[in-house]
mmCIF file of all heavy atoms, coordinates in Angstrom:
data_MODEL
# 
_entry.id   MODEL 
# 
loop_
_atom_site.group_PDB 
_atom_site.id 
_atom_site.type_symbol 
_atom_site.label_atom_id 
_atom_site.label_alt_id 
_atom_site.label_comp_id 
_atom_site.label_asym_id 
_atom_site.label_entity_id 
_atom_site.label_seq_id 
_atom_site.pdbx_PDB_ins_code 
_atom_site.Cartn_x 
_atom_site.Cartn_y 
_atom_site.Cartn_z 
_atom_site.occupancy 
_atom_site.B_iso_or_equiv 
_atom_site.pdbx_formal_charge 
_atom_site.auth_seq_id 
_atom_site.auth_comp_id 
_atom_site.auth_asym_id 
_atom_site.auth_atom_id 
_atom_site.pdbx_PDB_model_num 
ATOM 1   N N   . LEU A 1 1  ? 75.336 -37.619 12.273 1.00 0.00 ? 1  LEU A N   1 
ATOM 2   C CA  . LEU A 1 1  ? 74.088 -36.907 12.557 1.00 0.00 ? 1  LEU A CA  1 
ATOM 3   C C   . LEU A 1 1  ? 73.886 -35.719 11.618 1.00 0.00 ? 1  LEU A C   1 
ATOM 4   O O   . LEU A 1 1  ? 72.753 -35.424 11.223 1.00 0.00 ? 1  LEU A O   1 
ATOM 5   C CB  . LEU A 1 1  ? 74.054 -36.456 14.016 1.00 0.00 ? 1  LEU A CB  1 
ATOM 6   C CG  . LEU A 1 1  ? 73.986 -37.569 15.047 1.00 0.00 ? 1  LEU A CG  1 
ATOM 7   C CD1 . LEU A 1 1  ? 74.123 -37.012 16.461 1.00 0.00 ? 1  LEU A CD1 1 
ATOM 8   C CD2 . LEU A 1 1  ? 72.686 -38.353 14.906 1.00 0.00 ? 1  LEU A CD2 1 
ATOM 9   N N   . LYS A 1 2  ? 74.967 -35.058 11.238 1.00 0.00 ? 2  LYS A N   1 
ATOM 10  C CA  . LYS A 1 2  ? 74.867 -33.953 10.274 1.00 0.00 ? 2  LYS A CA  1 
ATOM 11  C C   . LYS A 1 2  ? 74.390 -34.455 8.913  1.00 0.00 ? 2  LYS A C   1 
ATOM 12  O O   . LYS A 1 2  ? 73.586 -33.804 8.264  1.00 0.00 ? 2  LYS A O   1 
ATOM 13  C CB  . LYS A 1 2  ? 76.218 -33.233 10.151 1.00 0.00 ? 2  LYS A CB  1 
ATOM 14  C CG  . LYS A 1 2  ? 76.517 -32.331 11.303 1.00 0.00 ? 2  LYS A CG  1 
ATOM 15  C CD  . LYS A 1 2  ? 77.843 -31.608 11.088 1.00 0.00 ? 2  LYS A CD  1 
ATOM 16  C CE  . LYS A 1 2  ? 78.119 -30.622 12.198 1.00 0.00 ? 2  LYS A CE  1 
ATOM 17  N NZ  . LYS A 1 2  ? 79.369 -29.878 12.007 1.00 0.00 ? 2  LYS A NZ  1 
ATOM 18  N N   . ILE A 1 3  ? 74.886 -35.611 8.503  1.00 0.00 ? 3  ILE A N   1 
ATOM 19  C CA  . ILE A 1 3  ? 74.446 -36.204 7.232  1.00 0.00 ? 3  ILE A CA  1 
ATOM 20  C C   . ILE A 1 3  ? 72.953 -36.537 7.304  1.00 0.00 ? 3  ILE A C   1 
ATOM 21  O O   . ILE A 1 3  ? 72.172 -36.209 6.389  1.00 0.00 ? 3  ILE A O   1 
ATOM 22  C CB  . ILE A 1 3  ? 75.272 -37.466 6.882  1.00 0.00 ? 3  ILE A CB  1 
ATOM 23  C CG1 . ILE A 1 3  ? 76.709 -37.062 6.556  1.00 0.00 ? 3  ILE A CG1 1 
ATOM 24  C CG2 . ILE A 1 3  ? 74.637 -38.221 5.731  1.00 0.00 ? 3  ILE A CG2 1 
ATOM 25  C CD1 . ILE A 1 3  ? 77.665 -38.227 6.494  1.00 0.00 ? 3  ILE A CD1 1 
ATOM 26  N N   . LEU A 1 4  ? 72.527 -37.201 8.393  1.00 0.00 ? 4  LEU A N   1 
ATOM 27  C CA  . LEU A 1 4  ? 71.122 -37.525 8.537  1.00 0.00 ? 4  LEU A CA  1 
ATOM 28  C C   . LEU A 1 4  ? 70.254 -36.284 8.572  1.00 0.00 ? 4  LEU A C   1 
ATOM 29  O O   . LEU A 1 4  ? 69.175 -36.252 7.972  1.00 0.00 ? 4  LEU A O   1 
ATOM 30  C CB  . LEU A 1 4  ? 70.887 -38.340 9.825  1.00 0.00 ? 4  LEU A CB  1 
ATOM 31  C CG  . LEU A 1 4  ? 71.408 -39.765 9.852  1.00 0.00 ? 4  LEU A CG  1 
ATOM 32  C CD1 . LEU A 1 4  ? 71.103 -40.409 11.201 1.00 0.00 ? 4  LEU A CD1 1 
ATOM 33  C CD2 . LEU A 1 4  ? 70.814 -40.569 8.731  1.00 0.00 ? 4  LEU A CD2 1 
ATOM 34  N N   . HIS A 1 5  ? 70.721 -35.253 9.258  1.00 0.00 ? 5  HIS A N   1 
ATOM 35  C CA  . HIS A 1 5  ? 69.976 -33.988 9.347  1.00 0.00 ? 5  HIS A CA  1 
ATOM 36  C C   . HIS A 1 5  ? 69.808 -33.381 7.953  1.00 0.00 ? 5  HIS A C   1 
ATOM 37  O O   . HIS A 1 5  ? 68.700 -32.957 7.578  1.00 0.00 ? 5  HIS A O   1 
ATOM 38  C CB  . HIS A 1 5  ? 70.685 -33.038 10.291 1.00 0.00 ? 5  HIS A CB  1 
ATOM 39  C CG  . HIS A 1 5  ? 70.010 -31.736 10.454 1.00 0.00 ? 5  HIS A CG  1 
ATOM 40  N ND1 . HIS A 1 5  ? 68.875 -31.587 11.242 1.00 0.00 ? 5  HIS A ND1 1 
ATOM 41  C CD2 . HIS A 1 5  ? 70.265 -30.514 9.940  1.00 0.00 ? 5  HIS A CD2 1 
ATOM 42  C CE1 . HIS A 1 5  ? 68.479 -30.335 11.175 1.00 0.00 ? 5  HIS A CE1 1 
ATOM 43  N NE2 . HIS A 1 5  ? 69.307 -29.661 10.406 1.00 0.00 ? 5  HIS A NE2 1 
ATOM 44  N N   . LYS A 1 6  ? 70.887 -33.341 7.210  1.00 0.00 ? 6  LYS A N   1 
ATOM 45  C CA  . LYS A 1 6  ? 70.854 -32.764 5.869  1.00 0.00 ? 6  LYS A CA  1 
ATOM 46  C C   . LYS A 1 6  ? 69.863 -33.534 4.970  1.00 0.00 ? 6  LYS A C   1 
ATOM 47  O O   . LYS A 1 6  ? 69.051 -32.934 4.275  1.00 0.00 ? 6  LYS A O   1 
ATOM 48  C CB  . LYS A 1 6  ? 72.234 -32.782 5.238  1.00 0.00 ? 6  LYS A CB  1 
ATOM 49  C CG  . LYS A 1 6  ? 72.295 -32.219 3.850  1.00 0.00 ? 6  LYS A CG  1 
ATOM 50  C CD  . LYS A 1 6  ? 73.696 -32.293 3.273  1.00 0.00 ? 6  LYS A CD  1 
ATOM 51  C CE  . LYS A 1 6  ? 73.664 -31.787 1.834  1.00 0.00 ? 6  LYS A CE  1 
ATOM 52  N NZ  . LYS A 1 6  ? 74.364 -32.631 0.929  1.00 0.00 ? 6  LYS A NZ  1 
ATOM 53  N N   . LEU A 1 7  ? 69.951 -34.857 5.010  1.00 0.00 ? 7  LEU A N   1 
ATOM 54  C CA  . LEU A 1 7  ? 69.038 -35.680 4.208  1.00 0.00 ? 7  LEU A CA  1 
ATOM 55  C C   . LEU A 1 7  ? 67.598 -35.525 4.648  1.00 0.00 ? 7  LEU A C   1 
ATOM 56  O O   . LEU A 1 7  ? 66.687 -35.469 3.812  1.00 0.00 ? 7  LEU A O   1 
ATOM 57  C CB  . LEU A 1 7  ? 69.475 -37.143 4.257  1.00 0.00 ? 7  LEU A CB  1 
ATOM 58  C CG  . LEU A 1 7  ? 70.799 -37.473 3.596  1.00 0.00 ? 7  LEU A CG  1 
ATOM 59  C CD1 . LEU A 1 7  ? 71.234 -38.902 3.945  1.00 0.00 ? 7  LEU A CD1 1 
ATOM 60  C CD2 . LEU A 1 7  ? 70.725 -37.276 2.102  1.00 0.00 ? 7  LEU A CD2 1 
ATOM 61  N N   . SER A 1 8  ? 67.366 -35.419 5.942  1.00 0.00 ? 8  SER A N   1 
ATOM 62  C CA  . SER A 1 8  ? 66.012 -35.234 6.463  1.00 0.00 ? 8  SER A CA  1 
ATOM 63  C C   . SER A 1 8  ? 65.455 -33.892 6.001  1.00 0.00 ? 8  SER A C   1 
ATOM 64  O O   . SER A 1 8  ? 64.296 -33.810 5.589  1.00 0.00 ? 8  SER A O   1 
ATOM 65  C CB  . SER A 1 8  ? 66.001 -35.286 7.984  1.00 0.00 ? 8  SER A CB  1 
ATOM 66  O OG  . SER A 1 8  ? 66.375 -36.564 8.426  1.00 0.00 ? 8  SER A OG  1 
ATOM 67  N N   . GLU A 1 9  ? 66.270 -32.853 6.089  1.00 0.00 ? 9  GLU A N   1 
ATOM 68  C CA  . GLU A 1 9  ? 65.833 -31.513 5.669  1.00 0.00 ? 9  GLU A CA  1 
ATOM 69  C C   . GLU A 1 9  ? 65.486 -31.494 4.190  1.00 0.00 ? 9  GLU A C   1 
ATOM 70  O O   . GLU A 1 9  ? 64.496 -30.892 3.770  1.00 0.00 ? 9  GLU A O   1 
ATOM 71  C CB  . GLU A 1 9  ? 66.921 -30.478 5.983  1.00 0.00 ? 9  GLU A CB  1 
ATOM 72  C CG  . GLU A 1 9  ? 67.108 -30.193 7.444  1.00 0.00 ? 9  GLU A CG  1 
ATOM 73  C CD  . GLU A 1 9  ? 66.005 -29.361 8.033  1.00 0.00 ? 9  GLU A CD  1 
ATOM 74  O OE1 . GLU A 1 9  ? 65.640 -28.312 7.428  1.00 0.00 ? 9  GLU A OE1 1 
ATOM 75  O OE2 . GLU A 1 9  ? 65.473 -29.753 9.091  1.00 0.00 ? 9  GLU A OE2 1 
ATOM 76  N N   . GLU A 1 10 ? 66.300 -32.179 3.382  1.00 0.00 ? 10 GLU A N   1 
ATOM 77  C CA  . GLU A 1 10 ? 66.036 -32.262 1.942  1.00 0.00 ? 10 GLU A CA  1 
ATOM 78  C C   . GLU A 1 10 ? 64.728 -32.993 1.682  1.00 0.00 ? 10 GLU A C   1 
ATOM 79  O O   . GLU A 1 10 ? 63.917 -32.564 0.850  1.00 0.00 ? 10 GLU A O   1 
ATOM 80  C CB  . GLU A 1 10 ? 67.185 -32.962 1.216  1.00 0.00 ? 10 GLU A CB  1 
ATOM 81  C CG  . GLU A 1 10 ? 68.430 -32.139 1.095  1.00 0.00 ? 10 GLU A CG  1 
ATOM 82  C CD  . GLU A 1 10 ? 69.588 -32.913 0.491  1.00 0.00 ? 10 GLU A CD  1 
ATOM 83  O OE1 . GLU A 1 10 ? 69.375 -34.007 -0.087 1.00 0.00 ? 10 GLU A OE1 1 
ATOM 84  O OE2 . GLU A 1 10 ? 70.735 -32.432 0.575  1.00 0.00 ? 10 GLU A OE2 1 
ATOM 85  N N   . TRP A 1 11 ? 64.515 -34.098 2.389  1.00 0.00 ? 11 TRP A N   1 
ATOM 86  C CA  . TRP A 1 11 ? 63.305 -34.880 2.190  1.00 0.00 ? 11 TRP A CA  1 
ATOM 87  C C   . TRP A 1 11 ? 62.069 -34.050 2.582  1.00 0.00 ? 11 TRP A C   1 
ATOM 88  O O   . TRP A 1 11 ? 61.066 -34.033 1.858  1.00 0.00 ? 11 TRP A O   1 
ATOM 89  C CB  . TRP A 1 11 ? 63.351 -36.163 3.012  1.00 0.00 ? 11 TRP A CB  1 
ATOM 90  C CG  . TRP A 1 11 ? 62.216 -37.080 2.709  1.00 0.00 ? 11 TRP A CG  1 
ATOM 91  C CD1 . TRP A 1 11 ? 62.200 -38.055 1.771  1.00 0.00 ? 11 TRP A CD1 1 
ATOM 92  C CD2 . TRP A 1 11 ? 60.929 -37.091 3.334  1.00 0.00 ? 11 TRP A CD2 1 
ATOM 93  N NE1 . TRP A 1 11 ? 60.971 -38.665 1.768  1.00 0.00 ? 11 TRP A NE1 1 
ATOM 94  C CE2 . TRP A 1 11 ? 60.161 -38.085 2.700  1.00 0.00 ? 11 TRP A CE2 1 
ATOM 95  C CE3 . TRP A 1 11 ? 60.346 -36.337 4.347  1.00 0.00 ? 11 TRP A CE3 1 
ATOM 96  C CZ2 . TRP A 1 11 ? 58.855 -38.365 3.072  1.00 0.00 ? 11 TRP A CZ2 1 
ATOM 97  C CZ3 . TRP A 1 11 ? 59.032 -36.589 4.711  1.00 0.00 ? 11 TRP A CZ3 1 
ATOM 98  C CH2 . TRP A 1 11 ? 58.302 -37.612 4.083  1.00 0.00 ? 11 TRP A CH2 1 
ATOM 99  N N   . VAL A 1 12 ? 62.143 -33.360 3.702  1.00 0.00 ? 12 VAL A N   1 
ATOM 100 C CA  . VAL A 1 12 ? 61.027 -32.529 4.156  1.00 0.00 ? 12 VAL A CA  1 
ATOM 101 C C   . VAL A 1 12 ? 60.750 -31.429 3.122  1.00 0.00 ? 12 VAL A C   1 
ATOM 102 O O   . VAL A 1 12 ? 59.603 -31.194 2.755  1.00 0.00 ? 12 VAL A O   1 
ATOM 103 C CB  . VAL A 1 12 ? 61.314 -31.926 5.549  1.00 0.00 ? 12 VAL A CB  1 
ATOM 104 C CG1 . VAL A 1 12 ? 60.337 -30.792 5.871  1.00 0.00 ? 12 VAL A CG1 1 
ATOM 105 C CG2 . VAL A 1 12 ? 61.258 -33.010 6.611  1.00 0.00 ? 12 VAL A CG2 1 
ATOM 106 N N   . ARG A 1 13 ? 61.790 -30.784 2.635  1.00 0.00 ? 13 ARG A N   1 
ATOM 107 C CA  . ARG A 1 13 ? 61.610 -29.724 1.641  1.00 0.00 ? 13 ARG A CA  1 
ATOM 108 C C   . ARG A 1 13 ? 60.950 -30.254 0.375  1.00 0.00 ? 13 ARG A C   1 
ATOM 109 O O   . ARG A 1 13 ? 60.019 -29.639 -0.154 1.00 0.00 ? 13 ARG A O   1 
ATOM 110 C CB  . ARG A 1 13 ? 62.969 -29.081 1.307  1.00 0.00 ? 13 ARG A CB  1 
ATOM 111 C CG  . ARG A 1 13 ? 62.848 -27.812 0.481  1.00 0.00 ? 13 ARG A CG  1 
ATOM 112 C CD  . ARG A 1 13 ? 64.201 -27.181 0.147  1.00 0.00 ? 13 ARG A CD  1 
ATOM 113 N NE  . ARG A 1 13 ? 64.876 -27.887 -0.943 1.00 0.00 ? 13 ARG A NE  1 
ATOM 114 C CZ  . ARG A 1 13 ? 65.827 -28.822 -0.819 1.00 0.00 ? 13 ARG A CZ  1 
ATOM 115 N NH1 . ARG A 1 13 ? 66.244 -29.203 0.347  1.00 0.00 ? 13 ARG A NH1 1 
ATOM 116 N NH2 . ARG A 1 13 ? 66.384 -29.418 -1.851 1.00 0.00 ? 13 ARG A NH2 1 
ATOM 117 N N   . LYS A 1 14 ? 61.359 -31.413 -0.099 1.00 0.00 ? 14 LYS A N   1 
ATOM 118 C CA  . LYS A 1 14 ? 60.826 -31.984 -1.331 1.00 0.00 ? 14 LYS A CA  1 
ATOM 119 C C   . LYS A 1 14 ? 59.402 -32.511 -1.166 1.00 0.00 ? 14 LYS A C   1 
ATOM 120 O O   . LYS A 1 14 ? 58.654 -32.570 -2.135 1.00 0.00 ? 14 LYS A O   1 
ATOM 121 C CB  . LYS A 1 14 ? 61.735 -33.115 -1.827 1.00 0.00 ? 14 LYS A CB  1 
ATOM 122 C CG  . LYS A 1 14 ? 63.048 -32.645 -2.369 1.00 0.00 ? 14 LYS A CG  1 
ATOM 123 C CD  . LYS A 1 14 ? 63.890 -33.835 -2.790 1.00 0.00 ? 14 LYS A CD  1 
ATOM 124 C CE  . LYS A 1 14 ? 65.274 -33.403 -3.218 1.00 0.00 ? 14 LYS A CE  1 
ATOM 125 N NZ  . LYS A 1 14 ? 66.142 -34.540 -3.529 1.00 0.00 ? 14 LYS A NZ  1 
ATOM 126 N N   . ASN A 1 15 ? 59.056 -32.942 0.041  1.00 0.00 ? 15 ASN A N   1 
ATOM 127 C CA  . ASN A 1 15 ? 57.779 -33.624 0.241  1.00 0.00 ? 15 ASN A CA  1 
ATOM 128 C C   . ASN A 1 15 ? 56.758 -32.813 1.030  1.00 0.00 ? 15 ASN A C   1 
ATOM 129 O O   . ASN A 1 15 ? 55.666 -33.309 1.278  1.00 0.00 ? 15 ASN A O   1 
ATOM 130 C CB  . ASN A 1 15 ? 58.019 -34.963 0.938  1.00 0.00 ? 15 ASN A CB  1 
ATOM 131 C CG  . ASN A 1 15 ? 58.720 -35.912 0.022  1.00 0.00 ? 15 ASN A CG  1 
ATOM 132 O OD1 . ASN A 1 15 ? 58.157 -36.488 -0.886 1.00 0.00 ? 15 ASN A OD1 1 
ATOM 133 N ND2 . ASN A 1 15 ? 60.035 -36.074 0.236  1.00 0.00 ? 15 ASN A ND2 1 
ATOM 134 N N   . SER A 1 16 ? 57.069 -31.602 1.394  1.00 0.00 ? 16 SER A N   1 
ATOM 135 C CA  . SER A 1 16 ? 56.182 -30.835 2.259  1.00 0.00 ? 16 SER A CA  1 
ATOM 136 C C   . SER A 1 16 ? 54.848 -30.492 1.629  1.00 0.00 ? 16 SER A C   1 
ATOM 137 O O   . SER A 1 16 ? 53.904 -30.164 2.323  1.00 0.00 ? 16 SER A O   1 
ATOM 138 C CB  . SER A 1 16 ? 56.887 -29.569 2.735  1.00 0.00 ? 16 SER A CB  1 
ATOM 139 O OG  . SER A 1 16 ? 57.157 -28.712 1.623  1.00 0.00 ? 16 SER A OG  1 
ATOM 140 N N   . ARG A 1 17 ? 54.751 -30.597 0.330  1.00 0.00 ? 17 ARG A N   1 
ATOM 141 C CA  . ARG A 1 17 ? 53.462 -30.277 -0.342 1.00 0.00 ? 17 ARG A CA  1 
ATOM 142 C C   . ARG A 1 17 ? 52.670 -31.535 -0.693 1.00 0.00 ? 17 ARG A C   1 
ATOM 143 O O   . ARG A 1 17 ? 51.547 -31.436 -1.166 1.00 0.00 ? 17 ARG A O   1 
ATOM 144 C CB  . ARG A 1 17 ? 53.736 -29.482 -1.588 1.00 0.00 ? 17 ARG A CB  1 
ATOM 145 C CG  . ARG A 1 17 ? 54.331 -28.146 -1.223 1.00 0.00 ? 17 ARG A CG  1 
ATOM 146 C CD  . ARG A 1 17 ? 54.359 -27.192 -2.344 1.00 0.00 ? 17 ARG A CD  1 
ATOM 147 N NE  . ARG A 1 17 ? 54.898 -25.937 -1.821 1.00 0.00 ? 17 ARG A NE  1 
ATOM 148 C CZ  . ARG A 1 17 ? 55.317 -24.974 -2.567 1.00 0.00 ? 17 ARG A CZ  1 
ATOM 149 N NH1 . ARG A 1 17 ? 55.229 -25.066 -3.846 1.00 0.00 ? 17 ARG A NH1 1 
ATOM 150 N NH2 . ARG A 1 17 ? 55.781 -23.884 -2.016 1.00 0.00 ? 17 ARG A NH2 1 
ATOM 151 N N   . LYS A 1 18 ? 53.242 -32.688 -0.434 1.00 0.00 ? 18 LYS A N   1 
ATOM 152 C CA  . LYS A 1 18 ? 52.548 -33.923 -0.750 1.00 0.00 ? 18 LYS A CA  1 
ATOM 153 C C   . LYS A 1 18 ? 51.491 -34.271 0.281  1.00 0.00 ? 18 LYS A C   1 
ATOM 154 O O   . LYS A 1 18 ? 50.506 -34.936 -0.041 1.00 0.00 ? 18 LYS A O   1 
ATOM 155 C CB  . LYS A 1 18 ? 53.534 -35.091 -0.867 1.00 0.00 ? 18 LYS A CB  1 
ATOM 156 C CG  . LYS A 1 18 ? 54.373 -35.033 -2.085 1.00 0.00 ? 18 LYS A CG  1 
ATOM 157 C CD  . LYS A 1 18 ? 55.250 -36.281 -2.185 1.00 0.00 ? 18 LYS A CD  1 
ATOM 158 C CE  . LYS A 1 18 ? 56.133 -36.255 -3.402 1.00 0.00 ? 18 LYS A CE  1 
ATOM 159 N NZ  . LYS A 1 18 ? 56.958 -37.453 -3.489 1.00 0.00 ? 18 LYS A NZ  1 
ATOM 160 N N   . PHE A 1 19 ? 51.687 -33.863 1.528  1.00 0.00 ? 19 PHE A N   1 
ATOM 161 C CA  . PHE A 1 19 ? 50.750 -34.147 2.607  1.00 0.00 ? 19 PHE A CA  1 
ATOM 162 C C   . PHE A 1 19 ? 50.978 -33.154 3.733  1.00 0.00 ? 19 PHE A C   1 
ATOM 163 O O   . PHE A 1 19 ? 52.019 -32.515 3.803  1.00 0.00 ? 19 PHE A O   1 
ATOM 164 C CB  . PHE A 1 19 ? 50.873 -35.587 3.112  1.00 0.00 ? 19 PHE A CB  1 
ATOM 165 C CG  . PHE A 1 19 ? 52.250 -36.126 3.113  1.00 0.00 ? 19 PHE A CG  1 
ATOM 166 C CD1 . PHE A 1 19 ? 53.159 -35.773 4.121  1.00 0.00 ? 19 PHE A CD1 1 
ATOM 167 C CD2 . PHE A 1 19 ? 52.703 -36.978 2.134  1.00 0.00 ? 19 PHE A CD2 1 
ATOM 168 C CE1 . PHE A 1 19 ? 54.460 -36.250 4.126  1.00 0.00 ? 19 PHE A CE1 1 
ATOM 169 C CE2 . PHE A 1 19 ? 53.999 -37.462 2.126  1.00 0.00 ? 19 PHE A CE2 1 
ATOM 170 C CZ  . PHE A 1 19 ? 54.862 -37.110 3.118  1.00 0.00 ? 19 PHE A CZ  1 
ATOM 171 N N   . PRO A 1 20 ? 49.992 -33.037 4.627  1.00 0.00 ? 20 PRO A N   1 
ATOM 172 C CA  . PRO A 1 20 ? 50.147 -32.087 5.747  1.00 0.00 ? 20 PRO A CA  1 
ATOM 173 C C   . PRO A 1 20 ? 51.372 -32.410 6.601  1.00 0.00 ? 20 PRO A C   1 
ATOM 174 O O   . PRO A 1 20 ? 51.580 -33.560 6.954  1.00 0.00 ? 20 PRO A O   1 
ATOM 175 C CB  . PRO A 1 20 ? 48.862 -32.243 6.550  1.00 0.00 ? 20 PRO A CB  1 
ATOM 176 C CG  . PRO A 1 20 ? 47.898 -32.898 5.627  1.00 0.00 ? 20 PRO A CG  1 
ATOM 177 C CD  . PRO A 1 20 ? 48.708 -33.710 4.670  1.00 0.00 ? 20 PRO A CD  1 
ATOM 178 N N   . MET A 1 21 ? 52.169 -31.382 6.881  1.00 0.00 ? 21 MET A N   1 
ATOM 179 C CA  . MET A 1 21 ? 53.378 -31.585 7.652  1.00 0.00 ? 21 MET A CA  1 
ATOM 180 C C   . MET A 1 21 ? 53.506 -30.499 8.707  1.00 0.00 ? 21 MET A C   1 
ATOM 181 O O   . MET A 1 21 ? 53.386 -29.324 8.412  1.00 0.00 ? 21 MET A O   1 
ATOM 182 C CB  . MET A 1 21 ? 54.595 -31.577 6.729  1.00 0.00 ? 21 MET A CB  1 
ATOM 183 C CG  . MET A 1 21 ? 55.865 -31.991 7.437  1.00 0.00 ? 21 MET A CG  1 
ATOM 184 S SD  . MET A 1 21 ? 57.291 -32.154 6.331  1.00 0.00 ? 21 MET A SD  1 
ATOM 185 C CE  . MET A 1 21 ? 56.694 -33.164 5.005  1.00 0.00 ? 21 MET A CE  1 
ATOM 186 N N   . LEU A 1 22 ? 53.745 -30.919 9.923  1.00 0.00 ? 22 LEU A N   1 
ATOM 187 C CA  . LEU A 1 22 ? 53.962 -30.013 11.045 1.00 0.00 ? 22 LEU A CA  1 
ATOM 188 C C   . LEU A 1 22 ? 55.412 -30.187 11.497 1.00 0.00 ? 22 LEU A C   1 
ATOM 189 O O   . LEU A 1 22 ? 55.841 -31.267 11.849 1.00 0.00 ? 22 LEU A O   1 
ATOM 190 C CB  . LEU A 1 22 ? 53.010 -30.336 12.200 1.00 0.00 ? 22 LEU A CB  1 
ATOM 191 C CG  . LEU A 1 22 ? 53.248 -29.632 13.522 1.00 0.00 ? 22 LEU A CG  1 
ATOM 192 C CD1 . LEU A 1 22 ? 53.118 -28.114 13.364 1.00 0.00 ? 22 LEU A CD1 1 
ATOM 193 C CD2 . LEU A 1 22 ? 52.300 -30.151 14.585 1.00 0.00 ? 22 LEU A CD2 1 
ATOM 194 N N   . THR A 1 23 ? 56.161 -29.097 11.468 1.00 0.00 ? 23 THR A N   1 
ATOM 195 C CA  . THR A 1 23 ? 57.542 -29.112 11.920 1.00 0.00 ? 23 THR A CA  1 
ATOM 196 C C   . THR A 1 23 ? 57.583 -28.487 13.318 1.00 0.00 ? 23 THR A C   1 
ATOM 197 O O   . THR A 1 23 ? 57.107 -27.375 13.529 1.00 0.00 ? 23 THR A O   1 
ATOM 198 C CB  . THR A 1 23 ? 58.446 -28.330 10.976 1.00 0.00 ? 23 THR A CB  1 
ATOM 199 O OG1 . THR A 1 23 ? 58.394 -28.952 9.681  1.00 0.00 ? 23 THR A OG1 1 
ATOM 200 C CG2 . THR A 1 23 ? 59.877 -28.311 11.459 1.00 0.00 ? 23 THR A CG2 1 
ATOM 201 N N   . ILE A 1 24 ? 58.159 -29.207 14.266 1.00 0.00 ? 24 ILE A N   1 
ATOM 202 C CA  . ILE A 1 24 ? 58.289 -28.726 15.642 1.00 0.00 ? 24 ILE A CA  1 
ATOM 203 C C   . ILE A 1 24 ? 59.765 -28.718 16.018 1.00 0.00 ? 24 ILE A C   1 
ATOM 204 O O   . ILE A 1 24 ? 60.423 -29.780 15.977 1.00 0.00 ? 24 ILE A O   1 
ATOM 205 C CB  . ILE A 1 24 ? 57.490 -29.609 16.619 1.00 0.00 ? 24 ILE A CB  1 
ATOM 206 C CG1 . ILE A 1 24 ? 56.000 -29.553 16.265 1.00 0.00 ? 24 ILE A CG1 1 
ATOM 207 C CG2 . ILE A 1 24 ? 57.716 -29.133 18.069 1.00 0.00 ? 24 ILE A CG2 1 
ATOM 208 C CD1 . ILE A 1 24 ? 55.146 -30.482 17.107 1.00 0.00 ? 24 ILE A CD1 1 
ATOM 209 N N   . ASN A 1 25 ? 60.280 -27.563 16.383 1.00 0.00 ? 25 ASN A N   1 
ATOM 210 C CA  . ASN A 1 25 ? 61.656 -27.464 16.871 1.00 0.00 ? 25 ASN A CA  1 
ATOM 211 C C   . ASN A 1 25 ? 61.645 -27.976 18.331 1.00 0.00 ? 25 ASN A C   1 
ATOM 212 O O   . ASN A 1 25 ? 61.016 -27.407 19.197 1.00 0.00 ? 25 ASN A O   1 
ATOM 213 C CB  . ASN A 1 25 ? 62.132 -26.020 16.805 1.00 0.00 ? 25 ASN A CB  1 
ATOM 214 C CG  . ASN A 1 25 ? 63.592 -25.935 17.182 1.00 0.00 ? 25 ASN A CG  1 
ATOM 215 O OD1 . ASN A 1 25 ? 64.144 -26.750 17.898 1.00 0.00 ? 25 ASN A OD1 1 
ATOM 216 N ND2 . ASN A 1 25 ? 64.238 -24.861 16.689 1.00 0.00 ? 25 ASN A ND2 1 
ATOM 217 N N   . THR A 1 26 ? 62.318 -29.078 18.544 1.00 0.00 ? 26 THR A N   1 
ATOM 218 C CA  . THR A 1 26 ? 62.259 -29.744 19.842 1.00 0.00 ? 26 THR A CA  1 
ATOM 219 C C   . THR A 1 26 ? 63.412 -29.354 20.791 1.00 0.00 ? 26 THR A C   1 
ATOM 220 O O   . THR A 1 26 ? 63.558 -29.949 21.849 1.00 0.00 ? 26 THR A O   1 
ATOM 221 C CB  . THR A 1 26 ? 62.227 -31.277 19.666 1.00 0.00 ? 26 THR A CB  1 
ATOM 222 O OG1 . THR A 1 26 ? 63.397 -31.683 18.975 1.00 0.00 ? 26 THR A OG1 1 
ATOM 223 C CG2 . THR A 1 26 ? 60.989 -31.716 18.926 1.00 0.00 ? 26 THR A CG2 1 
ATOM 224 N N   . LYS A 1 27 ? 64.174 -28.342 20.416 1.00 0.00 ? 27 LYS A N   1 
ATOM 225 C CA  . LYS A 1 27 ? 65.293 -27.940 21.267 1.00 0.00 ? 27 LYS A CA  1 
ATOM 226 C C   . LYS A 1 27 ? 64.831 -27.561 22.681 1.00 0.00 ? 27 LYS A C   1 
ATOM 227 O O   . LYS A 1 27 ? 65.503 -27.858 23.658 1.00 0.00 ? 27 LYS A O   1 
ATOM 228 C CB  . LYS A 1 27 ? 66.061 -26.776 20.648 1.00 0.00 ? 27 LYS A CB  1 
ATOM 229 C CG  . LYS A 1 27 ? 67.264 -26.368 21.452 1.00 0.00 ? 27 LYS A CG  1 
ATOM 230 C CD  . LYS A 1 27 ? 68.069 -25.291 20.767 1.00 0.00 ? 27 LYS A CD  1 
ATOM 231 C CE  . LYS A 1 27 ? 69.294 -24.937 21.588 1.00 0.00 ? 27 LYS A CE  1 
ATOM 232 N NZ  . LYS A 1 27 ? 70.107 -23.910 20.929 1.00 0.00 ? 27 LYS A NZ  1 
ATOM 233 N N   . LYS A 1 28 ? 63.661 -26.943 22.786 1.00 0.00 ? 28 LYS A N   1 
ATOM 234 C CA  . LYS A 1 28 ? 63.170 -26.493 24.073 1.00 0.00 ? 28 LYS A CA  1 
ATOM 235 C C   . LYS A 1 28 ? 62.172 -27.454 24.699 1.00 0.00 ? 28 LYS A C   1 
ATOM 236 O O   . LYS A 1 28 ? 61.595 -27.176 25.735 1.00 0.00 ? 28 LYS A O   1 
ATOM 237 C CB  . LYS A 1 28 ? 62.559 -25.108 23.932 1.00 0.00 ? 28 LYS A CB  1 
ATOM 238 C CG  . LYS A 1 28 ? 63.585 -24.074 23.540 1.00 0.00 ? 28 LYS A CG  1 
ATOM 239 C CD  . LYS A 1 28 ? 62.958 -22.699 23.419 1.00 0.00 ? 28 LYS A CD  1 
ATOM 240 C CE  . LYS A 1 28 ? 64.035 -21.700 23.002 1.00 0.00 ? 28 LYS A CE  1 
ATOM 241 N NZ  . LYS A 1 28 ? 63.478 -20.379 22.798 1.00 0.00 ? 28 LYS A NZ  1 
# 
């Protein structure tokens, strides 16, 4: 899960300007 999280975070960082992106912290 840590590997998936790291890869997801990298993908979001690299692609956040390509299209509208809403990040929601779902912990709560």
